[in-house]
Amino acid sequence: MIRAVEKVRERLLRAARALEAAGIPYAIAGGNAVAAHVSRVDEAAVRTTRDVDILLRRSDWAAATRALEQAGFTYRHVTGLGMPGGLEAFLDGPEASVRDALHIVPAGEKVRADNLLATPDVTESEAGDQFRLVTLPALVRMKLVGFRDKDRTHLRDLIELGLLDASWCERLPQALAIRLKELLENPE
């Protein structure tokens, strides 16, 4: 179990170093971004995740592909993961599982046609200890747009730690504020 968690972290750091060395703007999103923000308040509340979500501009995908492949990742277009048209991913080597992948999230685009908002741009990021991560406001919007069970779990973690509360409703587009209010009123 410990090795599995370490492998995700190693994969994240290797990808971040490759993108930074190539001068490609990016931001870590998803469960790793939640973990980074949560760890600033309570390390014991951090949840593990098995993949790495990276926010990238579509215009940087070719350069990112070269940089990530030079770092040992293998590009793969993956279908059947609930994403219309599939998902751009980089496996940790040619024989690796899709579960152990870097998932590319297109910056500034709607990931699904029915999404309420587009994803944030990579400029909505901040320097973390060892990598750039999406800012908390951008992350909250992404989680409210997705609103899958794991997104709601991540949002509940942020609420429990006081990183997210009812005052956020005023800062969000109405459709997202409604989702947050629903979650605050009925966390289960």
Protein backbone atom coordinates (compact mmCIF):
# COMPACT_ATOMS: atom_id res chain seq x y z
CA MET A 1 0.00 0.00 0.00
CA ILE A 2 2.76 2.43 0.92
CA ARG A 3 4.61 1.68 -2.32
CA ALA A 4 1.44 2.32 -4.35
CA VAL A 5 1.09 5.78 -2.79
CA GLU A 6 4.78 6.49 -3.34
CA LYS A 7 4.51 5.50 -7.01
CA VAL A 8 1.72 8.03 -7.60
CA ARG A 9 3.82 10.77 -5.97
CA GLU A 10 6.89 9.79 -7.99
CA ARG A 11 4.84 9.83 -11.20
CA LEU A 12 3.44 13.28 -10.35
CA LEU A 13 6.87 14.74 -9.57
CA ARG A 14 8.50 13.22 -12.67
CA ALA A 15 5.75 14.66 -14.88
CA ALA A 16 5.95 18.09 -13.21
CA ARG A 17 9.74 18.20 -13.59
CA ALA A 18 9.47 17.24 -17.27
CA LEU A 19 6.86 19.92 -18.01
CA GLU A 20 8.75 22.58 -16.07
CA ALA A 21 12.05 21.72 -17.78
CA ALA A 22 10.30 22.11 -21.15
CA GLY A 23 8.74 25.43 -20.09
CA ILE A 24 5.19 24.13 -20.50
CA PRO A 25 2.55 25.79 -18.30
CA TYR A 26 0.51 23.22 -16.37
CA ALA A 27 -1.35 22.73 -13.11
CA ILE A 28 -1.94 19.58 -11.10
CA ALA A 29 -5.68 19.13 -10.56
CA GLY A 30 -7.98 16.39 -9.24
CA GLY A 31 -7.29 14.33 -6.14
CA ASN A 32 -3.64 15.37 -5.90
CA ALA A 33 -4.60 19.06 -5.87
CA VAL A 34 -7.19 18.35 -3.17
CA ALA A 35 -4.54 16.48 -1.17
CA ALA A 36 -2.09 19.39 -1.50
CA HIS A 37 -4.65 21.94 -0.29
CA VAL A 38 -5.88 19.65 2.51
CA SER A 39 -2.32 18.93 3.69
CA ARG A 40 -1.82 22.64 4.40
CA VAL A 41 -4.51 22.37 7.08
CA ASP A 42 -4.37 18.77 8.32
CA GLU A 43 -1.98 16.16 6.93
CA ALA A 44 -4.00 13.40 8.62
CA ALA A 45 -7.02 14.31 6.46
CA VAL A 46 -5.24 13.71 3.14
CA ARG A 47 -6.79 11.04 0.90
CA THR A 48 -4.72 9.07 -1.54
CA THR A 49 -5.43 8.89 -5.25
CA ARG A 50 -4.17 6.48 -7.87
CA ASP A 51 -3.82 8.77 -10.88
CA VAL A 52 -2.49 12.21 -11.69
CA ASP A 53 -4.69 14.83 -13.39
CA ILE A 54 -2.77 17.54 -15.25
CA LEU A 55 -4.42 20.67 -16.60
CA LEU A 56 -2.79 21.63 -19.93
CA ARG A 57 -3.66 23.99 -22.76
CA ARG A 58 -4.48 22.13 -25.95
CA SER A 59 -1.92 24.30 -27.78
CA ASP A 60 0.79 22.80 -25.54
CA TRP A 61 -0.18 19.13 -26.00
CA ALA A 62 2.41 18.35 -28.69
CA ALA A 63 5.26 19.83 -26.66
CA ALA A 64 3.92 18.18 -23.50
CA THR A 65 3.78 14.83 -25.28
CA ARG A 66 7.45 15.13 -26.26
CA ALA A 67 8.48 16.17 -22.74
CA LEU A 68 6.47 13.43 -21.02
CA GLU A 69 7.65 10.74 -23.44
CA GLN A 70 11.26 11.79 -22.79
CA ALA A 71 10.49 11.30 -19.07
CA GLY A 72 9.42 7.69 -19.73
CA PHE A 73 5.66 8.07 -20.15
CA THR A 74 3.77 6.45 -23.03
CA TYR A 75 0.98 8.38 -24.75
CA ARG A 76 -2.36 6.60 -25.06
CA HIS A 77 -5.81 7.73 -26.12
CA VAL A 78 -8.17 5.86 -23.78
CA THR A 79 -11.84 5.22 -24.49
CA GLY A 80 -14.59 3.87 -22.27
CA LEU A 81 -13.87 5.85 -19.11
CA GLY A 82 -17.06 7.85 -19.21
CA MET A 83 -15.51 10.60 -21.28
CA PRO A 84 -17.14 11.32 -24.66
CA GLY A 85 -14.47 10.68 -27.27
CA GLY A 86 -12.13 9.27 -24.65
CA LEU A 87 -9.31 10.64 -22.57
CA GLU A 88 -5.73 11.64 -23.33
CA ALA A 89 -3.43 9.76 -20.97
CA PHE A 90 0.20 8.97 -20.42
CA LEU A 91 0.94 5.57 -18.99
CA ASP A 92 3.95 5.02 -16.78
CA GLY A 93 5.65 2.93 -19.49
CA PRO A 94 4.32 0.82 -22.37
CA GLU A 95 3.02 -2.03 -20.18
CA ALA A 96 1.46 0.13 -17.45
CA SER A 97 -2.21 0.15 -16.51
CA VAL A 98 -4.55 3.01 -17.37
CA ARG A 99 -5.22 3.15 -13.62
CA ASP A 100 -1.63 4.27 -13.12
CA ALA A 101 -1.69 7.10 -15.62
CA LEU A 102 -1.35 10.80 -16.05
CA HIS A 103 -4.71 12.10 -17.28
CA ILE A 104 -4.64 15.26 -19.35
CA VAL A 105 -7.44 17.72 -18.62
CA PRO A 106 -7.86 20.33 -21.37
CA ALA A 107 -7.52 23.82 -19.89
CA GLY A 108 -10.22 26.36 -20.71
CA GLU A 109 -12.57 23.82 -22.29
CA LYS A 110 -15.69 21.93 -21.33
CA VAL A 111 -14.57 18.36 -20.73
CA ARG A 112 -18.09 17.10 -21.40
CA ALA A 113 -20.73 18.82 -23.49
CA ASP A 114 -23.10 18.98 -20.51
CA ASN A 115 -20.55 20.59 -18.14
CA LEU A 116 -21.79 23.82 -16.62
CA LEU A 117 -18.43 25.57 -17.14
CA ALA A 118 -15.14 25.15 -18.91
CA THR A 119 -12.12 24.06 -16.93
CA PRO A 120 -9.86 26.83 -15.62
CA ASP A 121 -6.82 28.00 -17.53
CA VAL A 122 -3.39 26.96 -16.26
CA THR A 123 -2.89 30.56 -15.11
CA GLU A 124 -5.28 29.76 -12.24
CA SER A 125 -2.46 27.92 -10.50
CA GLU A 126 0.04 28.50 -7.76
CA ALA A 127 3.42 27.15 -6.82
CA GLY A 128 3.26 24.26 -4.41
CA ASP A 129 6.24 22.75 -2.62
CA GLN A 130 7.33 20.70 -5.64
CA PHE A 131 4.81 21.36 -8.42
CA ARG A 132 2.21 23.84 -9.65
CA LEU A 133 -1.31 23.15 -8.54
CA VAL A 134 -4.66 24.58 -9.46
CA THR A 135 -5.78 27.28 -7.01
CA LEU A 136 -8.40 26.39 -4.43
CA PRO A 137 -11.15 28.50 -6.12
CA ALA A 138 -10.46 26.87 -9.50
CA LEU A 139 -10.35 23.41 -7.89
CA VAL A 140 -13.66 23.98 -6.10
CA ARG A 141 -15.27 25.03 -9.40
CA MET A 142 -13.89 21.93 -11.13
CA LYS A 143 -15.21 19.66 -8.37
CA LEU A 144 -18.63 21.34 -8.44
CA VAL A 145 -18.80 21.02 -12.23
CA GLY A 146 -17.91 17.31 -12.11
CA PHE A 147 -20.04 16.63 -9.02
CA ARG A 148 -19.41 12.87 -9.19
CA ASP A 149 -19.33 10.92 -5.95
CA LYS A 150 -15.56 11.36 -5.60
CA ASP A 151 -15.90 15.09 -6.35
CA ARG A 152 -18.51 15.43 -3.60
CA THR A 153 -16.22 13.49 -1.24
CA HIS A 154 -13.38 15.90 -1.99
CA LEU A 155 -15.69 18.87 -1.46
CA ARG A 156 -16.86 17.43 1.88
CA ASP A 157 -13.21 17.13 2.93
CA LEU A 158 -12.66 20.81 2.11
CA ILE A 159 -15.82 21.73 4.02
CA GLU A 160 -14.82 19.67 7.06
CA LEU A 161 -11.46 21.44 7.24
CA GLY A 162 -13.00 24.92 6.90
CA LEU A 163 -11.50 25.53 3.46
CA LEU A 164 -14.97 25.75 1.93
CA ASP A 165 -18.15 27.13 3.47
CA ALA A 166 -21.40 28.93 2.64
CA SER A 167 -19.58 32.22 1.98
CA TRP A 168 -18.24 30.65 -1.22
CA CYS A 169 -21.75 30.59 -2.71
CA GLU A 170 -21.47 34.34 -3.33
CA ARG A 171 -18.28 33.83 -5.40
CA LEU A 172 -19.61 31.06 -7.62
CA PRO A 173 -21.82 31.05 -10.69
CA GLN A 174 -25.41 30.37 -9.61
CA ALA A 175 -25.54 26.77 -10.88
CA LEU A 176 -22.42 25.88 -8.89
CA ALA A 177 -23.60 27.79 -5.83
CA ILE A 178 -26.77 25.66 -5.86
CA ARG A 179 -24.67 22.50 -5.85
CA LEU A 180 -22.49 23.75 -3.01
CA LYS A 181 -25.52 24.83 -0.98
CA GLU A 182 -27.06 21.38 -1.50
CA LEU A 183 -23.88 19.73 -0.28
CA LEU A 184 -23.57 22.03 2.73
CA GLU A 185 -27.19 21.38 3.73
CA ASN A 186 -27.07 17.65 3.10
CA PRO A 187 -23.49 16.34 3.16
CA GLU A 188 -24.60 12.73 2.83
